[in-house]
Amino acid sequence: MAIYRVERTRDYTVMSNYHLKDRELSLKAKGLLSMILSLPDEWNYTLRGLAAISKEGVDAIGSAVRELEKAGYIIRRQLRGEKGRISDTEYTIYEQPHKTAQDKPSDKPSDA
């Protein structure tokens, strides 16, 4: 099969191939992460914001984001305002899976 490549002079994205080779991710999650990595830092990383620039709806984007969260590529943190209400969501996006402290094995010896 022939592969035709365009000359990369502008408007292209450089990213790790790690997630593209991750056999545990669906094509939907791989595509969404690739799209997210191509966006500027100040982009509106909400489910509605991501759905606005894709064919998929909010529910499909949400399921892909949850898959990426479970795999460790995205960490979402709910930010709360003065009265304790959720005011915003902070997204941390990784090119390779990142494990949180609760996902890491404990250093404590077992009581066996």
C-alpha atoms as a PDB file:
ATOM      1  CA  MET A   1       0.000   0.000   0.000  1.00  0.00           C
ATOM      2  CA  ALA A   2       1.352   3.427  -0.905  1.00  0.00           C
ATOM      3  CA  ILE A   3       1.414   6.178   1.676  1.00  0.00           C
ATOM      4  CA  TYR A   4       1.312   9.759   0.503  1.00  0.00           C
ATOM      5  CA  ARG A   5       2.550  12.364   2.939  1.00  0.00           C
ATOM      6  CA  VAL A   6       2.161  16.095   2.764  1.00  0.00           C
ATOM      7  CA  GLU A   7       5.029  18.479   3.300  1.00  0.00           C
ATOM      8  CA  ARG A   8       4.874  19.629   6.913  1.00  0.00           C
ATOM      9  CA  THR A   9       5.461  23.334   6.820  1.00  0.00           C
ATOM     10  CA  ARG A  10       2.770  24.543   9.235  1.00  0.00           C
ATOM     11  CA  ASP A  11      -0.381  23.534  11.102  1.00  0.00           C
ATOM     12  CA  TYR A  12       0.733  20.110  12.266  1.00  0.00           C
ATOM     13  CA  THR A  13       1.069  18.486  15.675  1.00  0.00           C
ATOM     14  CA  VAL A  14       4.024  16.676  17.186  1.00  0.00           C
ATOM     15  CA  MET A  15       3.037  14.120  19.823  1.00  0.00           C
ATOM     16  CA  SER A  16       4.174  10.843  21.263  1.00  0.00           C
ATOM     17  CA  ASN A  17       3.095   7.651  19.496  1.00  0.00           C
ATOM     18  CA  TYR A  18       2.648   5.955  22.874  1.00  0.00           C
ATOM     19  CA  HIS A  19      -1.140   6.260  23.036  1.00  0.00           C
ATOM     20  CA  LEU A  20      -1.502   5.285  19.380  1.00  0.00           C
ATOM     21  CA  LYS A  21       0.239   1.966  20.104  1.00  0.00           C
ATOM     22  CA  ASP A  22      -1.647   1.325  23.352  1.00  0.00           C
ATOM     23  CA  ARG A  23      -3.734  -1.766  22.568  1.00  0.00           C
ATOM     24  CA  GLU A  24      -5.913  -1.184  25.641  1.00  0.00           C
ATOM     25  CA  LEU A  25      -7.378   2.057  24.184  1.00  0.00           C
ATOM     26  CA  SER A  26     -10.251   2.161  21.720  1.00  0.00           C
ATOM     27  CA  LEU A  27      -9.829   4.019  18.453  1.00  0.00           C
ATOM     28  CA  LYS A  28     -12.299   6.609  19.786  1.00  0.00           C
ATOM     29  CA  ALA A  29     -10.094   7.292  22.834  1.00  0.00           C
ATOM     30  CA  LYS A  30      -6.922   7.393  20.719  1.00  0.00           C
ATOM     31  CA  GLY A  31      -8.530   9.871  18.325  1.00  0.00           C
ATOM     32  CA  LEU A  32      -9.848  12.080  21.113  1.00  0.00           C
ATOM     33  CA  LEU A  33      -6.490  12.173  22.893  1.00  0.00           C
ATOM     34  CA  SER A  34      -4.764  13.005  19.593  1.00  0.00           C
ATOM     35  CA  MET A  35      -7.251  15.824  19.011  1.00  0.00           C
ATOM     36  CA  ILE A  36      -6.819  17.134  22.569  1.00  0.00           C
ATOM     37  CA  LEU A  37      -3.022  17.112  22.207  1.00  0.00           C
ATOM     38  CA  SER A  38      -3.367  19.193  19.032  1.00  0.00           C
ATOM     39  CA  LEU A  39      -5.334  21.960  20.770  1.00  0.00           C
ATOM     40  CA  PRO A  40      -3.799  25.056  22.379  1.00  0.00           C
ATOM     41  CA  ASP A  41      -3.410  25.130  26.171  1.00  0.00           C
ATOM     42  CA  GLU A  42      -6.132  27.758  26.586  1.00  0.00           C
ATOM     43  CA  TRP A  43      -8.760  25.626  24.804  1.00  0.00           C
ATOM     44  CA  ASN A  44     -12.155  24.988  26.432  1.00  0.00           C
ATOM     45  CA  TYR A  45     -11.534  21.417  27.657  1.00  0.00           C
ATOM     46  CA  THR A  46     -15.127  20.694  28.621  1.00  0.00           C
ATOM     47  CA  LEU A  47     -17.164  17.863  27.164  1.00  0.00           C
ATOM     48  CA  ARG A  48     -19.311  20.426  25.339  1.00  0.00           C
ATOM     49  CA  GLY A  49     -16.233  22.291  24.096  1.00  0.00           C
ATOM     50  CA  LEU A  50     -14.721  19.097  22.699  1.00  0.00           C
ATOM     51  CA  ALA A  51     -18.039  17.966  21.204  1.00  0.00           C
ATOM     52  CA  ALA A  52     -18.378  21.333  19.443  1.00  0.00           C
ATOM     53  CA  ILE A  53     -15.349  20.557  17.266  1.00  0.00           C
ATOM     54  CA  SER A  54     -16.141  16.923  16.518  1.00  0.00           C
ATOM     55  CA  LYS A  55     -18.866  14.817  14.965  1.00  0.00           C
ATOM     56  CA  GLU A  56     -19.529  12.982  18.246  1.00  0.00           C
ATOM     57  CA  GLY A  57     -21.906  14.250  20.864  1.00  0.00           C
ATOM     58  CA  VAL A  58     -21.291  15.044  24.518  1.00  0.00           C
ATOM     59  CA  ASP A  59     -22.095  11.470  25.635  1.00  0.00           C
ATOM     60  CA  ALA A  60     -19.586   9.887  23.228  1.00  0.00           C
ATOM     61  CA  ILE A  61     -16.917  12.424  24.220  1.00  0.00           C
ATOM     62  CA  GLY A  62     -17.699  11.726  27.878  1.00  0.00           C
ATOM     63  CA  SER A  63     -17.251   7.977  27.483  1.00  0.00           C
ATOM     64  CA  ALA A  64     -13.906   8.486  25.693  1.00  0.00           C
ATOM     65  CA  VAL A  65     -12.729  10.895  28.413  1.00  0.00           C
ATOM     66  CA  ARG A  66     -13.692   8.342  31.102  1.00  0.00           C
ATOM     67  CA  GLU A  67     -11.747   5.669  29.202  1.00  0.00           C
ATOM     68  CA  LEU A  68      -8.710   7.962  29.053  1.00  0.00           C
ATOM     69  CA  GLU A  69      -9.103   8.725  32.771  1.00  0.00           C
ATOM     70  CA  LYS A  70      -9.239   5.031  33.632  1.00  0.00           C
ATOM     71  CA  ALA A  71      -6.105   4.421  31.544  1.00  0.00           C
ATOM     72  CA  GLY A  72      -4.263   7.330  33.220  1.00  0.00           C
ATOM     73  CA  TYR A  73      -3.998   9.701  30.252  1.00  0.00           C
ATOM     74  CA  ILE A  74      -6.353  12.302  31.780  1.00  0.00           C
ATOM     75  CA  ILE A  75      -6.826  13.406  35.363  1.00  0.00           C
ATOM     76  CA  ARG A  76      -9.932  15.499  36.034  1.00  0.00           C
ATOM     77  CA  ARG A  77     -10.231  17.490  39.227  1.00  0.00           C
ATOM     78  CA  GLN A  78     -13.385  19.330  40.240  1.00  0.00           C
ATOM     79  CA  LEU A  79     -12.696  22.839  41.529  1.00  0.00           C
ATOM     80  CA  ARG A  80     -15.032  24.274  44.136  1.00  0.00           C
ATOM     81  CA  GLY A  81     -16.029  27.884  44.747  1.00  0.00           C
ATOM     82  CA  GLU A  82     -16.455  29.722  48.018  1.00  0.00           C
ATOM     83  CA  LYS A  83     -19.752  28.016  48.908  1.00  0.00           C
ATOM     84  CA  GLY A  84     -18.482  24.532  48.110  1.00  0.00           C
ATOM     85  CA  ARG A  85     -20.204  24.296  44.751  1.00  0.00           C
ATOM     86  CA  ILE A  86     -18.348  22.948  41.738  1.00  0.00           C
ATOM     87  CA  SER A  87     -17.118  25.989  39.843  1.00  0.00           C
ATOM     88  CA  ASP A  88     -14.886  24.436  37.186  1.00  0.00           C
ATOM     89  CA  THR A  89     -13.034  21.293  36.160  1.00  0.00           C
ATOM     90  CA  GLU A  90      -9.270  21.154  35.804  1.00  0.00           C
ATOM     91  CA  TYR A  91      -7.911  18.724  33.213  1.00  0.00           C
ATOM     92  CA  THR A  92      -4.360  17.384  33.333  1.00  0.00           C
ATOM     93  CA  ILE A  93      -3.532  15.570  30.106  1.00  0.00           C
ATOM     94  CA  TYR A  94      -0.588  13.230  29.648  1.00  0.00           C
ATOM     95  CA  GLU A  95       0.974  11.772  26.503  1.00  0.00           C
ATOM     96  CA  GLN A  96       1.737   8.603  28.472  1.00  0.00           C
ATOM     97  CA  PRO A  97      -0.334   7.108  31.301  1.00  0.00           C
ATOM     98  CA  HIS A  98       0.216   8.735  34.662  1.00  0.00           C
ATOM     99  CA  LYS A  99      -0.733   6.958  37.845  1.00  0.00           C
ATOM    100  CA  THR A 100      -2.106   8.901  40.780  1.00  0.00           C
ATOM    101  CA  ALA A 101      -1.042   8.258  44.366  1.00  0.00           C
ATOM    102  CA  GLN A 102      -4.107   6.085  44.965  1.00  0.00           C
ATOM    103  CA  ASP A 103      -3.231   3.904  41.938  1.00  0.00           C
ATOM    104  CA  LYS A 104       0.343   3.241  43.083  1.00  0.00           C
ATOM    105  CA  PRO A 105       1.060   0.226  45.247  1.00  0.00           C
ATOM    106  CA  SER A 106       1.505   0.978  48.918  1.00  0.00           C
ATOM    107  CA  ASP A 107       5.005   1.038  50.395  1.00  0.00           C
ATOM    108  CA  LYS A 108       3.623  -0.268  53.686  1.00  0.00           C
ATOM    109  CA  PRO A 109       4.584  -3.834  54.583  1.00  0.00           C
ATOM    110  CA  SER A 110       1.677  -6.247  54.704  1.00  0.00           C
ATOM    111  CA  ASP A 111       0.545  -7.765  58.000  1.00  0.00           C
ATOM    112  CA  ALA A 112       0.985 -11.341  56.817  1.00  0.00           C
END
